[in-house]
């Protein structure tokens, strides 16, 4: 096997290797604002009002 073939083989192996993935964990923080999401318009109004303060 020549150098070119060896490099190509290493590249192929590297592309096929799948690194282990850690489990996804959603993190949330309390923002101090309660939003009723049953009305999208009201939720947008609350969020816009909080950003304009």
PDB file of N, CA and C in Angstrom:
ATOM      1  N   UNK A   1       0.859  -1.175   0.000  1.00  0.00           N
ATOM      2  CA  UNK A   1       0.000   0.000   0.000  1.00  0.00           C
ATOM      3  C   UNK A   1       0.901   1.233   0.000  1.00  0.00           C
ATOM      4  N   UNK A   2       0.610   2.148  -0.913  1.00  0.00           N
ATOM      5  CA  UNK A   2       1.401   3.364  -1.003  1.00  0.00           C
ATOM      6  C   UNK A   2       0.903   4.421  -0.027  1.00  0.00           C
ATOM      7  N   UNK A   3       1.626   5.521   0.030  1.00  0.00           N
ATOM      8  CA  UNK A   3       1.278   6.605   0.941  1.00  0.00           C
ATOM      9  C   UNK A   3      -0.099   7.175   0.595  1.00  0.00           C
ATOM     10  N   UNK A   4      -0.361   7.370  -0.684  1.00  0.00           N
ATOM     11  CA  UNK A   4      -1.636   7.928  -1.120  1.00  0.00           C
ATOM     12  C   UNK A   4      -2.802   7.031  -0.701  1.00  0.00           C
ATOM     13  N   UNK A   5      -2.641   5.728  -0.897  1.00  0.00           N
ATOM     14  CA  UNK A   5      -3.694   4.785  -0.496  1.00  0.00           C
ATOM     15  C   UNK A   5      -3.880   4.776   1.009  1.00  0.00           C
ATOM     16  N   UNK A   6      -2.802   4.866   1.758  1.00  0.00           N
ATOM     17  CA  UNK A   6      -2.877   4.875   3.218  1.00  0.00           C
ATOM     18  C   UNK A   6      -3.607   6.123   3.713  1.00  0.00           C
ATOM     19  N   UNK A   7      -3.287   7.271   3.112  1.00  0.00           N
ATOM     20  CA  UNK A   7      -3.946   8.521   3.498  1.00  0.00           C
ATOM     21  C   UNK A   7      -5.432   8.435   3.180  1.00  0.00           C
ATOM     22  N   UNK A   8      -5.770   7.935   1.991  1.00  0.00           N
ATOM     23  CA  UNK A   8      -7.174   7.786   1.616  1.00  0.00           C
ATOM     24  C   UNK A   8      -7.918   6.864   2.575  1.00  0.00           C
ATOM     25  N   UNK A   9      -7.293   5.790   2.975  1.00  0.00           N
ATOM     26  CA  UNK A   9      -7.924   4.850   3.912  1.00  0.00           C
ATOM     27  C   UNK A   9      -8.149   5.510   5.268  1.00  0.00           C
ATOM     28  N   UNK A  10      -7.186   6.267   5.749  1.00  0.00           N
ATOM     29  CA  UNK A  10      -7.348   6.966   7.020  1.00  0.00           C
ATOM     30  C   UNK A  10      -8.472   8.002   6.944  1.00  0.00           C
ATOM     31  N   UNK A  11      -8.560   8.692   5.827  1.00  0.00           N
ATOM     32  CA  UNK A  11      -9.643   9.666   5.653  1.00  0.00           C
ATOM     33  C   UNK A  11     -10.990   8.966   5.662  1.00  0.00           C
ATOM     34  N   UNK A  12     -11.103   7.858   4.950  1.00  0.00           N
ATOM     35  CA  UNK A  12     -12.366   7.102   4.927  1.00  0.00           C
ATOM     36  C   UNK A  12     -12.759   6.645   6.330  1.00  0.00           C
ATOM     37  N   UNK A  13     -11.811   6.122   7.065  1.00  0.00           N
ATOM     38  CA  UNK A  13     -12.109   5.665   8.427  1.00  0.00           C
ATOM     39  C   UNK A  13     -12.532   6.819   9.327  1.00  0.00           C
ATOM     40  N   UNK A  14     -11.879   7.956   9.157  1.00  0.00           N
ATOM     41  CA  UNK A  14     -12.226   9.121   9.959  1.00  0.00           C
ATOM     42  C   UNK A  14     -13.609   9.636   9.658  1.00  0.00           C
ATOM     43  N   UNK A  15     -14.006   9.600   8.382  1.00  0.00           N
ATOM     44  CA  UNK A  15     -15.332  10.069   8.011  1.00  0.00           C
ATOM     45  C   UNK A  15     -16.429   9.110   8.462  1.00  0.00           C
ATOM     46  N   UNK A  16     -16.122   7.838   8.552  1.00  0.00           N
ATOM     47  CA  UNK A  16     -17.117   6.852   8.972  1.00  0.00           C
ATOM     48  C   UNK A  16     -17.264   6.770  10.486  1.00  0.00           C
ATOM     49  N   UNK A  17     -16.247   7.179  11.219  1.00  0.00           N
ATOM     50  CA  UNK A  17     -16.283   7.083  12.680  1.00  0.00           C
ATOM     51  C   UNK A  17     -17.317   8.044  13.252  1.00  0.00           C
ATOM     52  N   UNK A  18     -18.114   7.578  14.156  1.00  0.00           N
ATOM     53  CA  UNK A  18     -19.126   8.391  14.814  1.00  0.00           C
ATOM     54  C   UNK A  18     -18.707   8.629  16.269  1.00  0.00           C
ATOM     55  N   UNK A  19     -18.451   9.881  16.633  1.00  0.00           N
ATOM     56  CA  UNK A  19     -18.094  10.141  18.030  1.00  0.00           C
ATOM     57  C   UNK A  19     -19.290   9.875  18.936  1.00  0.00           C
ATOM     58  N   UNK A  20     -19.057   9.414  20.134  1.00  0.00           N
ATOM     59  CA  UNK A  20     -20.175   9.157  21.050  1.00  0.00           C
ATOM     60  C   UNK A  20     -20.879  10.466  21.397  1.00  0.00           C
ATOM     61  N   UNK A  21     -22.187  10.433  21.383  1.00  0.00           N
ATOM     62  CA  UNK A  21     -22.973  11.620  21.700  1.00  0.00           C
ATOM     63  C   UNK A  21     -23.491  11.533  23.120  1.00  0.00           C
ATOM     64  N   UNK A  22     -23.456  12.668  23.784  1.00  0.00           N
ATOM     65  CA  UNK A  22     -24.036  12.699  25.119  1.00  0.00           C
ATOM     66  C   UNK A  22     -25.529  12.985  24.978  1.00  0.00           C
ATOM     67  N   UNK A  23     -26.287  12.587  25.957  1.00  0.00           N
ATOM     68  CA  UNK A  23     -27.728  12.790  25.932  1.00  0.00           C
ATOM     69  C   UNK A  23     -28.046  14.278  26.003  1.00  0.00           C
ATOM     70  N   UNK A  24     -29.021  14.698  25.208  1.00  0.00           N
ATOM     71  CA  UNK A  24     -29.433  16.099  25.226  1.00  0.00           C
ATOM     72  C   UNK A  24     -30.234  16.360  26.487  1.00  0.00           C
ATOM     73  N   UNK A  25     -29.932  17.464  27.133  1.00  0.00           N
ATOM     74  CA  UNK A  25     -30.656  17.828  28.352  1.00  0.00           C
ATOM     75  C   UNK A  25     -31.065  19.288  28.236  1.00  0.00           C
ATOM     76  N   UNK A  26     -32.366  19.525  28.228  1.00  0.00           N
ATOM     77  CA  UNK A  26     -32.880  20.886  28.139  1.00  0.00           C
ATOM     78  C   UNK A  26     -32.750  21.554  29.497  1.00  0.00           C
ATOM     79  N   UNK A  27     -32.130  22.696  29.514  1.00  0.00           N
ATOM     80  CA  UNK A  27     -31.978  23.445  30.758  1.00  0.00           C
ATOM     81  C   UNK A  27     -32.869  24.672  30.705  1.00  0.00           C
ATOM     82  N   UNK A  28     -33.557  24.935  31.768  1.00  0.00           N
ATOM     83  CA  UNK A  28     -34.420  26.107  31.843  1.00  0.00           C
ATOM     84  C   UNK A  28     -34.049  26.919  33.073  1.00  0.00           C
ATOM     85  N   UNK A  29     -34.308  28.198  32.985  1.00  0.00           N
ATOM     86  CA  UNK A  29     -34.060  29.092  34.104  1.00  0.00           C
ATOM     87  C   UNK A  29     -35.314  29.927  34.346  1.00  0.00           C
ATOM     88  N   UNK A  30     -35.618  30.219  35.600  1.00  0.00           N
ATOM     89  CA  UNK A  30     -36.770  31.069  35.858  1.00  0.00           C
ATOM     90  C   UNK A  30     -36.487  32.500  35.393  1.00  0.00           C
ATOM     91  N   UNK A  31     -37.402  33.050  34.597  1.00  0.00           N
ATOM     92  CA  UNK A  31     -37.212  34.392  34.078  1.00  0.00           C
ATOM     93  C   UNK A  31     -38.009  35.433  34.853  1.00  0.00           C
ATOM     94  N   UNK A  32     -38.871  34.975  35.749  1.00  0.00           N
ATOM     95  CA  UNK A  32     -39.657  35.899  36.542  1.00  0.00           C
ATOM     96  C   UNK A  32     -40.877  36.441  35.823  1.00  0.00           C
ATOM     97  N   UNK A  33     -41.155  35.949  34.610  1.00  0.00           N
ATOM     98  CA  UNK A  33     -42.314  36.396  33.852  1.00  0.00           C
ATOM     99  C   UNK A  33     -43.161  35.177  33.526  1.00  0.00           C
ATOM    100  N   UNK A  34     -44.436  35.245  33.882  1.00  0.00           N
ATOM    101  CA  UNK A  34     -45.349  34.170  33.515  1.00  0.00           C
ATOM    102  C   UNK A  34     -46.118  34.593  32.276  1.00  0.00           C
ATOM    103  N   UNK A  35     -46.132  33.753  31.286  1.00  0.00           N
ATOM    104  CA  UNK A  35     -46.810  34.059  30.034  1.00  0.00           C
ATOM    105  C   UNK A  35     -47.869  33.000  29.785  1.00  0.00           C
ATOM    106  N   UNK A  36     -49.082  33.460  29.555  1.00  0.00           N
ATOM    107  CA  UNK A  36     -50.164  32.569  29.172  1.00  0.00           C
ATOM    108  C   UNK A  36     -50.076  32.375  27.665  1.00  0.00           C
ATOM    109  N   UNK A  37     -49.734  31.173  27.234  1.00  0.00           N
ATOM    110  CA  UNK A  37     -49.534  30.934  25.816  1.00  0.00           C
ATOM    111  C   UNK A  37     -50.804  30.465  25.118  1.00  0.00           C
ATOM    112  N   UNK A  38     -51.951  30.535  25.787  1.00  0.00           N
ATOM    113  CA  UNK A  38     -53.187  30.148  25.125  1.00  0.00           C
ATOM    114  C   UNK A  38     -53.582  31.169  24.067  1.00  0.00           C
ATOM    115  N   UNK A  39     -53.099  32.411  24.192  1.00  0.00           N
ATOM    116  CA  UNK A  39     -53.326  33.435  23.186  1.00  0.00           C
ATOM    117  C   UNK A  39     -51.970  33.933  22.700  1.00  0.00           C
ATOM    118  N   UNK A  40     -51.643  33.624  21.471  1.00  0.00           N
ATOM    119  CA  UNK A  40     -50.355  34.012  20.916  1.00  0.00           C
ATOM    120  C   UNK A  40     -50.206  35.531  20.892  1.00  0.00           C
ATOM    121  N   UNK A  41     -51.276  36.234  20.551  1.00  0.00           N
ATOM    122  CA  UNK A  41     -51.211  37.694  20.484  1.00  0.00           C
ATOM    123  C   UNK A  41     -50.883  38.284  21.853  1.00  0.00           C
ATOM    124  N   UNK A  42     -51.512  37.761  22.901  1.00  0.00           N
ATOM    125  CA  UNK A  42     -51.222  38.246  24.258  1.00  0.00           C
ATOM    126  C   UNK A  42     -49.786  37.927  24.655  1.00  0.00           C
ATOM    127  N   UNK A  43     -49.303  36.744  24.298  1.00  0.00           N
ATOM    128  CA  UNK A  43     -47.935  36.363  24.634  1.00  0.00           C
ATOM    129  C   UNK A  43     -46.938  37.288  23.935  1.00  0.00           C
ATOM    130  N   UNK A  44     -47.189  37.598  22.668  1.00  0.00           N
ATOM    131  CA  UNK A  44     -46.286  38.502  21.936  1.00  0.00           C
ATOM    132  C   UNK A  44     -46.322  39.893  22.554  1.00  0.00           C
ATOM    133  N   UNK A  45     -47.494  40.329  22.947  1.00  0.00           N
ATOM    134  CA  UNK A  45     -47.614  41.646  23.571  1.00  0.00           C
ATOM    135  C   UNK A  45     -46.827  41.706  24.881  1.00  0.00           C
ATOM    136  N   UNK A  46     -46.914  40.665  25.681  1.00  0.00           N
ATOM    137  CA  UNK A  46     -46.169  40.616  26.944  1.00  0.00           C
ATOM    138  C   UNK A  46     -44.674  40.638  26.677  1.00  0.00           C
ATOM    139  N   UNK A  47     -44.226  39.834  25.704  1.00  0.00           N
ATOM    140  CA  UNK A  47     -42.808  39.784  25.399  1.00  0.00           C
ATOM    141  C   UNK A  47     -42.302  41.097  24.804  1.00  0.00           C
ATOM    142  N   UNK A  48     -43.061  41.706  23.945  1.00  0.00           N
ATOM    143  CA  UNK A  48     -42.676  43.007  23.381  1.00  0.00           C
ATOM    144  C   UNK A  48     -42.626  44.070  24.456  1.00  0.00           C
ATOM    145  N   UNK A  49     -43.568  44.029  25.372  1.00  0.00           N
ATOM    146  CA  UNK A  49     -43.585  45.011  26.468  1.00  0.00           C
ATOM    147  C   UNK A  49     -42.384  44.850  27.375  1.00  0.00           C
ATOM    148  N   UNK A  50     -41.955  43.613  27.628  1.00  0.00           N
ATOM    149  CA  UNK A  50     -40.805  43.347  28.477  1.00  0.00           C
ATOM    150  C   UNK A  50     -39.520  43.831  27.793  1.00  0.00           C
ATOM    151  N   UNK A  51     -39.452  43.734  26.476  1.00  0.00           N
ATOM    152  CA  UNK A  51     -38.235  44.145  25.759  1.00  0.00           C
ATOM    153  C   UNK A  51     -38.140  45.665  25.644  1.00  0.00           C
ATOM    154  N   UNK A  52     -39.265  46.358  25.673  1.00  0.00           N
ATOM    155  CA  UNK A  52     -39.274  47.812  25.500  1.00  0.00           C
ATOM    156  C   UNK A  52     -39.095  48.567  26.810  1.00  0.00           C
ATOM    157  N   UNK A  53     -39.045  47.888  27.924  1.00  0.00           N
ATOM    158  CA  UNK A  53     -38.902  48.552  29.231  1.00  0.00           C
ATOM    159  C   UNK A  53     -37.496  49.009  29.474  1.00  0.00           C
TER     160      UNK A  53
END
